[in-house]
Protein backbone atom coordinates (compact mmCIF):
# COMPACT_ATOMS: atom_id res chain seq x y z
CA MET A 1 -16.55 30.75 -17.09
CA LYS A 2 -15.13 27.57 -15.55
CA PRO A 3 -13.86 24.81 -17.84
CA LYS A 4 -16.00 21.71 -17.88
CA LYS A 5 -14.89 18.98 -15.54
CA LYS A 6 -14.74 16.41 -18.33
CA ILE A 7 -12.26 18.56 -20.27
CA ALA A 8 -9.99 18.78 -17.22
CA GLN A 9 -10.19 15.00 -16.82
CA CYS A 10 -9.34 14.47 -20.47
CA LYS A 11 -6.22 16.60 -20.11
CA THR A 12 -4.96 14.55 -17.17
CA GLY A 13 -6.21 11.25 -18.55
CA HIS A 14 -7.57 10.20 -15.16
CA TYR A 15 -11.18 9.28 -14.66
CA PRO A 16 -12.58 8.20 -11.27
CA ASP A 17 -13.29 4.64 -12.44
CA ASP A 18 -10.31 4.38 -14.79
CA LYS A 19 -8.27 1.19 -14.51
CA SER A 20 -4.52 1.17 -14.85
CA LYS A 21 -2.76 -0.37 -17.83
CA THR A 22 -2.53 -3.69 -16.01
CA GLY A 23 -6.26 -3.72 -15.28
CA ILE A 24 -5.78 -3.34 -11.52
CA SER A 25 -7.79 -0.65 -9.76
CA ASP A 26 -6.09 1.92 -7.57
CA GLU A 27 -7.63 0.36 -4.46
CA THR A 28 -6.26 -3.06 -5.33
CA ALA A 29 -2.81 -1.63 -6.02
CA ILE A 30 -2.83 0.15 -2.65
CA LEU A 31 -3.91 -3.02 -0.85
CA GLU A 32 -1.16 -5.02 -2.54
CA LYS A 33 1.42 -2.41 -1.54
CA LEU A 34 0.20 -2.46 2.07
CA LYS A 35 0.39 -6.27 2.15
CA LEU A 36 3.99 -6.13 0.93
CA GLN A 37 4.85 -3.49 3.54
CA ASN A 38 3.22 -5.57 6.28
CA THR A 39 5.21 -8.63 5.21
CA ALA A 40 8.43 -6.61 5.26
CA LEU A 41 7.65 -5.29 8.75
CA GLU A 42 7.00 -8.81 10.03
CA LYS A 43 10.38 -9.93 8.65
CA ILE A 44 12.09 -6.98 10.35
CA LYS A 45 10.36 -7.75 13.65
CA THR A 46 11.45 -11.37 13.42
CA ALA A 47 15.04 -10.34 12.74
CA VAL A 48 15.06 -7.88 15.65
CA TYR A 49 13.68 -10.46 18.07
CA ALA A 50 16.27 -12.97 16.85
CA ASN A 51 19.07 -10.46 17.44
CA ASN A 52 17.79 -9.71 20.94
CA GLY A 53 17.61 -13.39 21.81
CA THR A 54 13.96 -13.18 22.84
CA SER A 55 10.81 -14.46 21.28
CA GLN A 56 8.07 -12.14 20.12
CA ASP A 57 5.74 -13.38 22.90
CA GLU A 58 8.30 -12.59 25.62
CA SER A 59 8.84 -9.08 24.30
CA GLU A 60 5.11 -8.35 24.16
CA GLN A 61 4.66 -9.44 27.80
CA GLN A 62 7.22 -6.93 29.07
């Protein structure tokens, strides 16, 4: 006999619609993390273009 799904969820403490301690859903937390990663990548791209002595537009045209 399989254990009930609710019992398994109670053991882990995770429910599908459960909010984190800060009240932010998992989707929102993932989106925030992706925004931060995107910002970091843009800063890296800017630094690389500055080191190469070219602008971003010139590099994209090549």
